[in-house]
Amino acid sequence: MKHNLFALCLVLPLCGCAGLPQQGTAPQAAPATPASIPLGQLLRRPGGYYKDDGPDGAPPVDLEAIADAQPKPEPLHPHANEPYVVFGKEYLPEKEFSAHRKQGTASWYGRKFHGQRTWSGEIYDMYAMSAAHPTLPVPSYARVTNLQNGKSAVVRINDRGPFSSGRMMDLSFAAAYKLGFAESGIAAVEVEAIVLAESAPPAEAPVATEPAIPVTAETAGIYLQLGAFSARANAESFRQKIQKELSWLGQPVQIQVSSKLFRLHLGPYRSRKEANAIAEKIRAELDFKPLLVNK
């Protein structure tokens, strides 16, 4: 509307009264004011690494009223801090609470994993102030600051990821909203670990409560390896995550045991050409290319 008025002001001095409507001519109707877009619809767009991950409709909670995570001493998870390999890259999680301050890119994940188990075995809640980090202790706490707008929030780290190159942390939808980048999907942030004066003793590993993991027998052929884990629970947690991302493949991610490691494989494939074609599709989708292994 402002552009139309500006153009009219430029034309009238040149045309005199020729540009004015004649008497009796019905005035043109003013353009309709655009309707306000519901928050849920506005935010239903790609969230960082995962696609179409925002709320499906209006959020069920008042996002502005969600409080920061409250740091408290907690024992380290018995499995979530073991070394692991994803897409050929080895990760060595920290097993002690120590000073940590780094800057990088953060993304967020939402409804695609809402209600699913995290790396720690807890249920992911996209409306809680939580986060995933490749190596910081699980569980632990960190203050995340958006370097573009100065907003900061405290989150509880209870998951692993992101595994997309160039990303340092995956935040819950609520945390991303509080930090002001739920719409853009990514932001430059600073992550500072919160080290408490006292810490809880490490949790004892459960003896008979590990989830039953389907372990398949390998047959000869060519496989794509997505990851390798020393802990069974971590392998299953990542398998559930990646299976959702690769649902378009129409084939299950298998867990196979070799050299005391739980490896996540796709296959077998009839040829390297076929395996490479699938690997390239995965690379285009997830920004990581699986390893080819021969059996």
C-alpha atoms as a PDB file:
ATOM      1  CA  MET A   1       0.000   0.000   0.000  1.00  0.00           C
ATOM      2  CA  LYS A   2       2.862   2.350   0.816  1.00  0.00           C
ATOM      3  CA  HIS A   3       4.402   1.694  -2.589  1.00  0.00           C
ATOM      4  CA  ASN A   4       1.089   2.548  -4.350  1.00  0.00           C
ATOM      5  CA  LEU A   5       0.774   5.884  -2.508  1.00  0.00           C
ATOM      6  CA  PHE A   6       4.374   6.765  -3.272  1.00  0.00           C
ATOM      7  CA  ALA A   7       3.855   6.060  -6.978  1.00  0.00           C
ATOM      8  CA  LEU A   8       0.651   8.132  -6.975  1.00  0.00           C
ATOM      9  CA  CYS A   9       2.448  11.123  -5.462  1.00  0.00           C
ATOM     10  CA  LEU A  10       4.999  10.990  -8.281  1.00  0.00           C
ATOM     11  CA  VAL A  11       2.395  10.797 -11.046  1.00  0.00           C
ATOM     12  CA  LEU A  12      -0.073  13.480  -9.876  1.00  0.00           C
ATOM     13  CA  PRO A  13       2.240  16.520 -10.323  1.00  0.00           C
ATOM     14  CA  LEU A  14       2.847  15.485 -13.942  1.00  0.00           C
ATOM     15  CA  CYS A  15      -0.749  14.738 -14.886  1.00  0.00           C
ATOM     16  CA  GLY A  16      -2.592  17.455 -13.015  1.00  0.00           C
ATOM     17  CA  CYS A  17      -6.134  16.346 -12.216  1.00  0.00           C
ATOM     18  CA  ALA A  18      -6.191  13.718 -14.919  1.00  0.00           C
ATOM     19  CA  GLY A  19      -5.163  11.118 -12.379  1.00  0.00           C
ATOM     20  CA  LEU A  20      -8.070  11.909 -10.005  1.00  0.00           C
ATOM     21  CA  PRO A  21     -11.274   9.849 -10.256  1.00  0.00           C
ATOM     22  CA  GLN A  22     -14.146  11.662 -11.960  1.00  0.00           C
ATOM     23  CA  GLN A  23     -17.227  12.538  -9.962  1.00  0.00           C
ATOM     24  CA  GLY A  24     -19.575   9.608  -9.716  1.00  0.00           C
ATOM     25  CA  THR A  25     -16.860   7.036 -10.303  1.00  0.00           C
ATOM     26  CA  ALA A  26     -16.888   4.357  -7.630  1.00  0.00           C
ATOM     27  CA  PRO A  27     -13.666   4.421  -5.594  1.00  0.00           C
ATOM     28  CA  GLN A  28     -11.490   1.344  -5.824  1.00  0.00           C
ATOM     29  CA  ALA A  29     -11.660  -0.997  -2.863  1.00  0.00           C
ATOM     30  CA  ALA A  30      -8.637  -0.956  -0.587  1.00  0.00           C
ATOM     31  CA  PRO A  31      -6.547  -4.132  -0.611  1.00  0.00           C
ATOM     32  CA  ALA A  32      -7.600  -6.592   2.052  1.00  0.00           C
ATOM     33  CA  THR A  33      -5.375  -6.750   5.115  1.00  0.00           C
ATOM     34  CA  PRO A  34      -3.557 -10.096   5.201  1.00  0.00           C
ATOM     35  CA  ALA A  35      -4.855 -12.380   7.929  1.00  0.00           C
ATOM     36  CA  SER A  36      -2.461 -13.099  10.765  1.00  0.00           C
ATOM     37  CA  ILE A  37      -0.704 -16.448  10.441  1.00  0.00           C
ATOM     38  CA  PRO A  38      -1.121 -18.845  13.394  1.00  0.00           C
ATOM     39  CA  LEU A  39       2.123 -19.511  15.230  1.00  0.00           C
ATOM     40  CA  GLY A  40       1.956 -23.226  14.556  1.00  0.00           C
ATOM     41  CA  GLN A  41       1.554 -22.701  10.807  1.00  0.00           C
ATOM     42  CA  LEU A  42       4.296 -20.091  10.738  1.00  0.00           C
ATOM     43  CA  LEU A  43       6.772 -22.428  12.393  1.00  0.00           C
ATOM     44  CA  ARG A  44       5.883 -25.529  10.398  1.00  0.00           C
ATOM     45  CA  ARG A  45       8.929 -25.331   8.213  1.00  0.00           C
ATOM     46  CA  PRO A  46      12.275 -27.139   8.076  1.00  0.00           C
ATOM     47  CA  GLY A  47      13.916 -26.960  11.473  1.00  0.00           C
ATOM     48  CA  GLY A  48      17.657 -27.022  11.073  1.00  0.00           C
ATOM     49  CA  TYR A  49      18.721 -30.523  10.102  1.00  0.00           C
ATOM     50  CA  TYR A  50      15.363 -32.293  10.047  1.00  0.00           C
ATOM     51  CA  LYS A  51      12.627 -31.452   7.526  1.00  0.00           C
ATOM     52  CA  ASP A  52       9.099 -30.236   8.271  1.00  0.00           C
ATOM     53  CA  ASP A  53       9.725 -30.668  11.977  1.00  0.00           C
ATOM     54  CA  GLY A  54       7.731 -27.843  13.567  1.00  0.00           C
ATOM     55  CA  PRO A  55       4.482 -28.171  15.512  1.00  0.00           C
ATOM     56  CA  ASP A  56       1.535 -29.574  13.586  1.00  0.00           C
ATOM     57  CA  GLY A  57      -0.778 -26.707  14.492  1.00  0.00           C
ATOM     58  CA  ALA A  58      -0.660 -24.420  17.500  1.00  0.00           C
ATOM     59  CA  PRO A  59       1.770 -25.554  20.239  1.00  0.00           C
ATOM     60  CA  PRO A  60      -0.028 -27.122  23.234  1.00  0.00           C
ATOM     61  CA  VAL A  61       1.963 -25.005  25.692  1.00  0.00           C
ATOM     62  CA  ASP A  62       2.773 -21.334  26.198  1.00  0.00           C
ATOM     63  CA  LEU A  63       6.251 -21.224  24.698  1.00  0.00           C
ATOM     64  CA  GLU A  64       7.045 -17.904  26.351  1.00  0.00           C
ATOM     65  CA  ALA A  65       6.358 -19.389  29.793  1.00  0.00           C
ATOM     66  CA  ILE A  66       8.704 -22.379  29.448  1.00  0.00           C
ATOM     67  CA  ALA A  67      11.437 -22.034  32.063  1.00  0.00           C
ATOM     68  CA  ASP A  68      15.111 -22.834  31.562  1.00  0.00           C
ATOM     69  CA  ALA A  69      16.411 -26.207  32.663  1.00  0.00           C
ATOM     70  CA  GLN A  70      17.433 -26.154  36.328  1.00  0.00           C
ATOM     71  CA  PRO A  71      20.974 -27.543  36.789  1.00  0.00           C
ATOM     72  CA  LYS A  72      21.323 -30.160  39.507  1.00  0.00           C
ATOM     73  CA  PRO A  73      23.830 -32.927  40.290  1.00  0.00           C
ATOM     74  CA  GLU A  74      23.033 -36.058  38.279  1.00  0.00           C
ATOM     75  CA  PRO A  75      24.949 -39.294  37.730  1.00  0.00           C
ATOM     76  CA  LEU A  76      26.384 -39.880  34.286  1.00  0.00           C
ATOM     77  CA  HIS A  77      24.448 -42.311  32.144  1.00  0.00           C
ATOM     78  CA  PRO A  78      26.147 -45.744  32.140  1.00  0.00           C
ATOM     79  CA  HIS A  79      26.004 -46.182  28.338  1.00  0.00           C
ATOM     80  CA  ALA A  80      25.432 -42.801  26.704  1.00  0.00           C
ATOM     81  CA  ASN A  81      29.027 -41.675  27.303  1.00  0.00           C
ATOM     82  CA  GLU A  82      30.780 -44.602  25.625  1.00  0.00           C
ATOM     83  CA  PRO A  83      32.836 -44.043  22.426  1.00  0.00           C
ATOM     84  CA  TYR A  84      30.975 -44.536  19.157  1.00  0.00           C
ATOM     85  CA  VAL A  85      31.376 -44.114  15.399  1.00  0.00           C
ATOM     86  CA  VAL A  86      28.778 -42.548  13.097  1.00  0.00           C
ATOM     87  CA  PHE A  87      29.278 -42.326   9.330  1.00  0.00           C
ATOM     88  CA  GLY A  88      32.959 -43.138   9.720  1.00  0.00           C
ATOM     89  CA  LYS A  89      33.665 -40.455  12.325  1.00  0.00           C
ATOM     90  CA  GLU A  90      34.702 -41.466  15.838  1.00  0.00           C
ATOM     91  CA  TYR A  91      33.242 -39.628  18.824  1.00  0.00           C
ATOM     92  CA  LEU A  92      34.734 -39.755  22.325  1.00  0.00           C
ATOM     93  CA  PRO A  93      32.175 -38.426  24.824  1.00  0.00           C
ATOM     94  CA  GLU A  94      33.479 -36.681  27.913  1.00  0.00           C
ATOM     95  CA  LYS A  95      33.114 -38.652  31.126  1.00  0.00           C
ATOM     96  CA  GLU A  96      33.951 -35.790  33.466  1.00  0.00           C
ATOM     97  CA  PHE A  97      32.306 -32.420  34.013  1.00  0.00           C
ATOM     98  CA  SER A  98      34.813 -29.782  32.939  1.00  0.00           C
ATOM     99  CA  ALA A  99      34.959 -26.272  31.518  1.00  0.00           C
ATOM    100  CA  HIS A 100      33.763 -26.092  27.926  1.00  0.00           C
ATOM    101  CA  ARG A 101      33.024 -23.005  25.827  1.00  0.00           C
ATOM    102  CA  LYS A 102      32.790 -23.158  22.049  1.00  0.00           C
ATOM    103  CA  GLN A 103      31.083 -21.286  19.249  1.00  0.00           C
ATOM    104  CA  GLY A 104      29.448 -22.905  16.262  1.00  0.00           C
ATOM    105  CA  THR A 105      26.162 -23.565  14.495  1.00  0.00           C
ATOM    106  CA  ALA A 106      23.108 -24.957  16.264  1.00  0.00           C
ATOM    107  CA  SER A 107      19.978 -26.465  14.736  1.00  0.00           C
ATOM    108  CA  TRP A 108      16.822 -27.937  16.261  1.00  0.00           C
ATOM    109  CA  TYR A 109      14.684 -31.049  16.002  1.00  0.00           C
ATOM    110  CA  GLY A 110      11.011 -31.382  16.778  1.00  0.00           C
ATOM    111  CA  ARG A 111       7.890 -33.402  16.140  1.00  0.00           C
ATOM    112  CA  LYS A 112       9.502 -36.113  14.021  1.00  0.00           C
ATOM    113  CA  PHE A 113      11.198 -37.369  17.190  1.00  0.00           C
ATOM    114  CA  HIS A 114       8.701 -36.092  19.758  1.00  0.00           C
ATOM    115  CA  GLY A 115       7.839 -39.010  22.051  1.00  0.00           C
ATOM    116  CA  GLN A 116      10.783 -41.137  20.867  1.00  0.00           C
ATOM    117  CA  ARG A 117      13.631 -42.344  23.056  1.00  0.00           C
ATOM    118  CA  THR A 118      16.782 -40.268  23.232  1.00  0.00           C
ATOM    119  CA  TRP A 119      20.337 -41.590  23.505  1.00  0.00           C
ATOM    120  CA  SER A 120      19.908 -41.595  27.286  1.00  0.00           C
ATOM    121  CA  GLY A 121      16.733 -43.665  27.072  1.00  0.00           C
ATOM    122  CA  GLU A 122      14.555 -40.748  28.161  1.00  0.00           C
ATOM    123  CA  ILE A 123      11.547 -39.744  26.076  1.00  0.00           C
ATOM    124  CA  TYR A 124      12.205 -36.722  23.875  1.00  0.00           C
ATOM    125  CA  ASP A 125       9.914 -33.764  24.545  1.00  0.00           C
ATOM    126  CA  MET A 126      10.159 -31.004  21.947  1.00  0.00           C
ATOM    127  CA  TYR A 127       8.607 -28.590  24.471  1.00  0.00           C
ATOM    128  CA  ALA A 128      11.267 -29.212  27.146  1.00  0.00           C
ATOM    129  CA  MET A 129      14.514 -27.252  27.420  1.00  0.00           C
ATOM    130  CA  SER A 130      16.819 -30.010  26.243  1.00  0.00           C
ATOM    131  CA  ALA A 131      19.575 -30.529  23.696  1.00  0.00           C
ATOM    132  CA  ALA A 132      21.714 -33.075  21.896  1.00  0.00           C
ATOM    133  CA  HIS A 133      25.503 -32.819  21.698  1.00  0.00           C
ATOM    134  CA  PRO A 134      28.012 -35.266  20.186  1.00  0.00           C
ATOM    135  CA  THR A 135      30.431 -35.393  23.139  1.00  0.00           C
ATOM    136  CA  LEU A 136      29.345 -33.389  26.201  1.00  0.00           C
ATOM    137  CA  PRO A 137      28.398 -35.613  29.165  1.00  0.00           C
ATOM    138  CA  VAL A 138      24.906 -37.107  29.266  1.00  0.00           C
ATOM    139  CA  PRO A 139      23.211 -35.813  31.261  1.00  0.00           C
ATOM    140  CA  SER A 140      24.732 -32.376  31.776  1.00  0.00           C
ATOM    141  CA  TYR A 141      23.735 -28.726  31.489  1.00  0.00           C
ATOM    142  CA  ALA A 142      24.879 -25.883  29.267  1.00  0.00           C
ATOM    143  CA  ARG A 143      24.085 -22.251  28.639  1.00  0.00           C
ATOM    144  CA  VAL A 144      23.461 -21.565  24.960  1.00  0.00           C
ATOM    145  CA  THR A 145      23.665 -17.998  23.640  1.00  0.00           C
ATOM    146  CA  ASN A 146      22.429 -16.885  20.236  1.00  0.00           C
ATOM    147  CA  LEU A 147      25.277 -14.717  18.953  1.00  0.00           C
ATOM    148  CA  GLN A 148      22.967 -12.914  16.535  1.00  0.00           C
ATOM    149  CA  ASN A 149      20.479 -11.531  19.066  1.00  0.00           C
ATOM    150  CA  GLY A 150      22.132 -12.058  22.471  1.00  0.00           C
ATOM    151  CA  LYS A 151      19.368 -14.316  23.821  1.00  0.00           C
ATOM    152  CA  SER A 152      20.506 -17.148  26.073  1.00  0.00           C
ATOM    153  CA  ALA A 153      18.947 -20.199  27.718  1.00  0.00           C
ATOM    154  CA  VAL A 154      19.989 -23.125  29.904  1.00  0.00           C
ATOM    155  CA  VAL A 155      19.355 -26.588  28.479  1.00  0.00           C
ATOM    156  CA  ARG A 156      19.813 -30.146  29.713  1.00  0.00           C
ATOM    157  CA  ILE A 157      21.827 -32.402  27.399  1.00  0.00           C
ATOM    158  CA  ASN A 158      20.239 -35.850  27.241  1.00  0.00           C
ATOM    159  CA  ASP A 159      20.808 -36.906  23.627  1.00  0.00           C
ATOM    160  CA  ARG A 160      23.531 -37.327  21.003  1.00  0.00           C
ATOM    161  CA  GLY A 161      23.803 -35.445  17.734  1.00  0.00           C
ATOM    162  CA  PRO A 162      23.723 -33.658  15.433  1.00  0.00           C
ATOM    163  CA  PHE A 163      25.654 -35.757  12.942  1.00  0.00           C
ATOM    164  CA  SER A 164      25.406 -33.274  10.087  1.00  0.00           C
ATOM    165  CA  SER A 165      28.695 -31.615   9.172  1.00  0.00           C
ATOM    166  CA  GLY A 166      29.020 -28.068  10.391  1.00  0.00           C
ATOM    167  CA  ARG A 167      26.487 -28.418  13.227  1.00  0.00           C
ATOM    168  CA  MET A 168      27.589 -28.318  16.850  1.00  0.00           C
ATOM    169  CA  MET A 169      24.343 -28.838  18.776  1.00  0.00           C
ATOM    170  CA  ASP A 170      20.732 -29.844  18.217  1.00  0.00           C
ATOM    171  CA  LEU A 171      18.268 -28.025  20.454  1.00  0.00           C
ATOM    172  CA  SER A 172      14.685 -28.871  21.270  1.00  0.00           C
ATOM    173  CA  PHE A 173      12.033 -26.850  19.476  1.00  0.00           C
ATOM    174  CA  ALA A 174      11.233 -24.981  22.705  1.00  0.00           C
ATOM    175  CA  ALA A 175      14.877 -24.023  23.247  1.00  0.00           C
ATOM    176  CA  ALA A 176      15.227 -22.837  19.645  1.00  0.00           C
ATOM    177  CA  TYR A 177      12.074 -20.761  20.034  1.00  0.00           C
ATOM    178  CA  LYS A 178      13.359 -19.162  23.242  1.00  0.00           C
ATOM    179  CA  LEU A 179      16.650 -18.376  21.513  1.00  0.00           C
ATOM    180  CA  GLY A 180      14.855 -16.812  18.560  1.00  0.00           C
ATOM    181  CA  PHE A 181      15.774 -19.112  15.680  1.00  0.00           C
ATOM    182  CA  ALA A 182      12.848 -21.531  15.421  1.00  0.00           C
ATOM    183  CA  GLU A 183      11.876 -19.972  12.089  1.00  0.00           C
ATOM    184  CA  SER A 184      15.320 -19.797  10.498  1.00  0.00           C
ATOM    185  CA  GLY A 185      16.261 -23.311  11.646  1.00  0.00           C
ATOM    186  CA  ILE A 186      19.913 -22.598  12.431  1.00  0.00           C
ATOM    187  CA  ALA A 187      21.880 -19.975  14.349  1.00  0.00           C
ATOM    188  CA  ALA A 188      25.412 -19.093  15.363  1.00  0.00           C
ATOM    189  CA  VAL A 189      25.658 -19.864  19.070  1.00  0.00           C
ATOM    190  CA  GLU A 190      28.053 -20.133  21.970  1.00  0.00           C
ATOM    191  CA  VAL A 191      27.765 -23.225  24.161  1.00  0.00           C
ATOM    192  CA  GLU A 192      29.149 -23.020  27.690  1.00  0.00           C
ATOM    193  CA  ALA A 193      29.045 -26.076  29.937  1.00  0.00           C
ATOM    194  CA  ILE A 194      27.691 -25.526  33.438  1.00  0.00           C
ATOM    195  CA  VAL A 195      29.967 -27.219  35.959  1.00  0.00           C
ATOM    196  CA  LEU A 196      28.336 -27.704  39.349  1.00  0.00           C
ATOM    197  CA  ALA A 197      30.276 -27.520  42.599  1.00  0.00           C
ATOM    198  CA  GLU A 198      29.127 -31.020  43.498  1.00  0.00           C
ATOM    199  CA  SER A 199      28.367 -33.936  41.234  1.00  0.00           C
ATOM    200  CA  ALA A 200      26.500 -37.173  41.725  1.00  0.00           C
ATOM    201  CA  PRO A 201      28.364 -40.504  41.564  1.00  0.00           C
ATOM    202  CA  PRO A 202      28.197 -42.396  38.259  1.00  0.00           C
ATOM    203  CA  ALA A 203      25.098 -44.503  37.812  1.00  0.00           C
ATOM    204  CA  GLU A 204      25.540 -48.249  37.898  1.00  0.00           C
ATOM    205  CA  ALA A 205      24.850 -50.028  34.656  1.00  0.00           C
ATOM    206  CA  PRO A 206      21.614 -52.035  34.768  1.00  0.00           C
ATOM    207  CA  VAL A 207      22.118 -55.764  34.533  1.00  0.00           C
ATOM    208  CA  ALA A 208      18.846 -57.091  33.156  1.00  0.00           C
ATOM    209  CA  THR A 209      17.071 -54.011  31.834  1.00  0.00           C
ATOM    210  CA  GLU A 210      18.871 -53.509  28.512  1.00  0.00           C
ATOM    211  CA  PRO A 211      16.463 -53.388  25.577  1.00  0.00           C
ATOM    212  CA  ALA A 212      16.236 -56.433  23.381  1.00  0.00           C
ATOM    213  CA  ILE A 213      18.090 -55.574  20.185  1.00  0.00           C
ATOM    214  CA  PRO A 214      17.508 -57.512  16.980  1.00  0.00           C
ATOM    215  CA  VAL A 215      20.934 -58.745  15.888  1.00  0.00           C
ATOM    216  CA  THR A 216      21.004 -60.227  12.417  1.00  0.00           C
ATOM    217  CA  ALA A 217      23.411 -62.770  11.001  1.00  0.00           C
ATOM    218  CA  GLU A 218      25.528 -61.351   8.209  1.00  0.00           C
ATOM    219  CA  THR A 219      25.531 -62.945   4.799  1.00  0.00           C
ATOM    220  CA  ALA A 220      28.150 -62.393   2.135  1.00  0.00           C
ATOM    221  CA  GLY A 221      27.817 -59.196   0.157  1.00  0.00           C
ATOM    222  CA  ILE A 222      28.390 -55.453   0.161  1.00  0.00           C
ATOM    223  CA  TYR A 223      27.007 -53.379   3.029  1.00  0.00           C
ATOM    224  CA  LEU A 224      26.753 -49.717   3.956  1.00  0.00           C
ATOM    225  CA  GLN A 225      27.929 -49.083   7.509  1.00  0.00           C
ATOM    226  CA  LEU A 226      26.194 -46.204   9.287  1.00  0.00           C
ATOM    227  CA  GLY A 227      27.830 -46.492  12.699  1.00  0.00           C
ATOM    228  CA  ALA A 228      29.634 -48.664  15.254  1.00  0.00           C
ATOM    229  CA  PHE A 229      28.991 -48.673  18.996  1.00  0.00           C
ATOM    230  CA  SER A 230      30.538 -50.372  22.003  1.00  0.00           C
ATOM    231  CA  ALA A 231      27.245 -50.220  23.941  1.00  0.00           C
ATOM    232  CA  ARG A 232      24.162 -52.073  22.740  1.00  0.00           C
ATOM    233  CA  ALA A 233      21.781 -49.405  24.014  1.00  0.00           C
ATOM    234  CA  ASN A 234      23.567 -46.679  22.033  1.00  0.00           C
ATOM    235  CA  ALA A 235      23.363 -48.746  18.858  1.00  0.00           C
ATOM    236  CA  GLU A 236      19.632 -49.218  19.309  1.00  0.00           C
ATOM    237  CA  SER A 237      19.076 -45.529  20.090  1.00  0.00           C
ATOM    238  CA  PHE A 238      20.848 -44.428  16.923  1.00  0.00           C
ATOM    239  CA  ARG A 239      19.149 -47.146  14.873  1.00  0.00           C
ATOM    240  CA  GLN A 240      15.735 -45.784  15.851  1.00  0.00           C
ATOM    241  CA  LYS A 241      16.785 -42.262  14.888  1.00  0.00           C
ATOM    242  CA  ILE A 242      18.359 -43.094  11.562  1.00  0.00           C
ATOM    243  CA  GLN A 243      15.584 -45.537  10.628  1.00  0.00           C
ATOM    244  CA  LYS A 244      13.134 -42.631  10.604  1.00  0.00           C
ATOM    245  CA  GLU A 245      15.423 -40.558   8.425  1.00  0.00           C
ATOM    246  CA  LEU A 246      15.914 -43.442   5.985  1.00  0.00           C
ATOM    247  CA  SER A 247      12.310 -44.664   5.905  1.00  0.00           C
ATOM    248  CA  TRP A 248      12.186 -43.771   2.202  1.00  0.00           C
ATOM    249  CA  LEU A 249      14.660 -46.594   1.528  1.00  0.00           C
ATOM    250  CA  GLY A 250      12.092 -49.216   2.410  1.00  0.00           C
ATOM    251  CA  GLN A 251      14.667 -51.444   4.102  1.00  0.00           C
ATOM    252  CA  PRO A 252      15.514 -51.892   7.793  1.00  0.00           C
ATOM    253  CA  VAL A 253      18.755 -50.794   9.421  1.00  0.00           C
ATOM    254  CA  GLN A 254      20.381 -53.960  10.763  1.00  0.00           C
ATOM    255  CA  ILE A 255      22.438 -54.327  13.930  1.00  0.00           C
ATOM    256  CA  GLN A 256      25.302 -56.771  13.495  1.00  0.00           C
ATOM    257  CA  VAL A 257      27.964 -57.736  16.034  1.00  0.00           C
ATOM    258  CA  SER A 258      31.611 -57.857  15.024  1.00  0.00           C
ATOM    259  CA  SER A 259      34.764 -57.532  17.155  1.00  0.00           C
ATOM    260  CA  LYS A 260      32.658 -56.669  20.217  1.00  0.00           C
ATOM    261  CA  LEU A 261      31.105 -53.716  18.377  1.00  0.00           C
ATOM    262  CA  PHE A 262      27.474 -53.277  17.419  1.00  0.00           C
ATOM    263  CA  ARG A 263      27.502 -52.083  13.815  1.00  0.00           C
ATOM    264  CA  LEU A 264      24.580 -50.557  11.916  1.00  0.00           C
ATOM    265  CA  HIS A 265      24.410 -51.879   8.367  1.00  0.00           C
ATOM    266  CA  LEU A 266      22.252 -51.535   5.281  1.00  0.00           C
ATOM    267  CA  GLY A 267      22.332 -54.315   2.713  1.00  0.00           C
ATOM    268  CA  PRO A 268      23.561 -56.611   1.399  1.00  0.00           C
ATOM    269  CA  TYR A 269      23.784 -55.123  -2.092  1.00  0.00           C
ATOM    270  CA  ARG A 270      24.548 -57.024  -5.273  1.00  0.00           C
ATOM    271  CA  SER A 271      27.288 -54.675  -6.463  1.00  0.00           C
ATOM    272  CA  ARG A 272      29.395 -51.706  -5.423  1.00  0.00           C
ATOM    273  CA  LYS A 273      27.541 -49.633  -8.017  1.00  0.00           C
ATOM    274  CA  GLU A 274      24.196 -50.342  -6.347  1.00  0.00           C
ATOM    275  CA  ALA A 275      25.621 -49.659  -2.877  1.00  0.00           C
ATOM    276  CA  ASN A 276      27.261 -46.419  -4.042  1.00  0.00           C
ATOM    277  CA  ALA A 277      23.982 -45.215  -5.538  1.00  0.00           C
ATOM    278  CA  ILE A 278      22.241 -45.680  -2.179  1.00  0.00           C
ATOM    279  CA  ALA A 279      25.185 -44.083  -0.356  1.00  0.00           C
ATOM    280  CA  GLU A 280      24.941 -40.989  -2.570  1.00  0.00           C
ATOM    281  CA  LYS A 281      21.215 -40.666  -1.875  1.00  0.00           C
ATOM    282  CA  ILE A 282      21.926 -40.856   1.851  1.00  0.00           C
ATOM    283  CA  ARG A 283      24.687 -38.269   1.499  1.00  0.00           C
ATOM    284  CA  ALA A 284      22.324 -35.898  -0.305  1.00  0.00           C
ATOM    285  CA  GLU A 285      19.672 -36.402   2.374  1.00  0.00           C
ATOM    286  CA  LEU A 286      21.797 -36.407   5.541  1.00  0.00           C
ATOM    287  CA  ASP A 287      25.039 -34.739   4.419  1.00  0.00           C
ATOM    288  CA  PHE A 288      27.016 -37.876   5.334  1.00  0.00           C
ATOM    289  CA  LYS A 289      28.138 -40.754   3.146  1.00  0.00           C
ATOM    290  CA  PRO A 290      28.117 -44.246   4.713  1.00  0.00           C
ATOM    291  CA  LEU A 291      31.130 -46.534   4.509  1.00  0.00           C
ATOM    292  CA  LEU A 292      31.177 -49.450   2.066  1.00  0.00           C
ATOM    293  CA  VAL A 293      32.182 -52.745   3.654  1.00  0.00           C
ATOM    294  CA  ASN A 294      32.656 -56.138   1.997  1.00  0.00           C
ATOM    295  CA  LYS A 295      31.695 -59.356   3.746  1.00  0.00           C
END
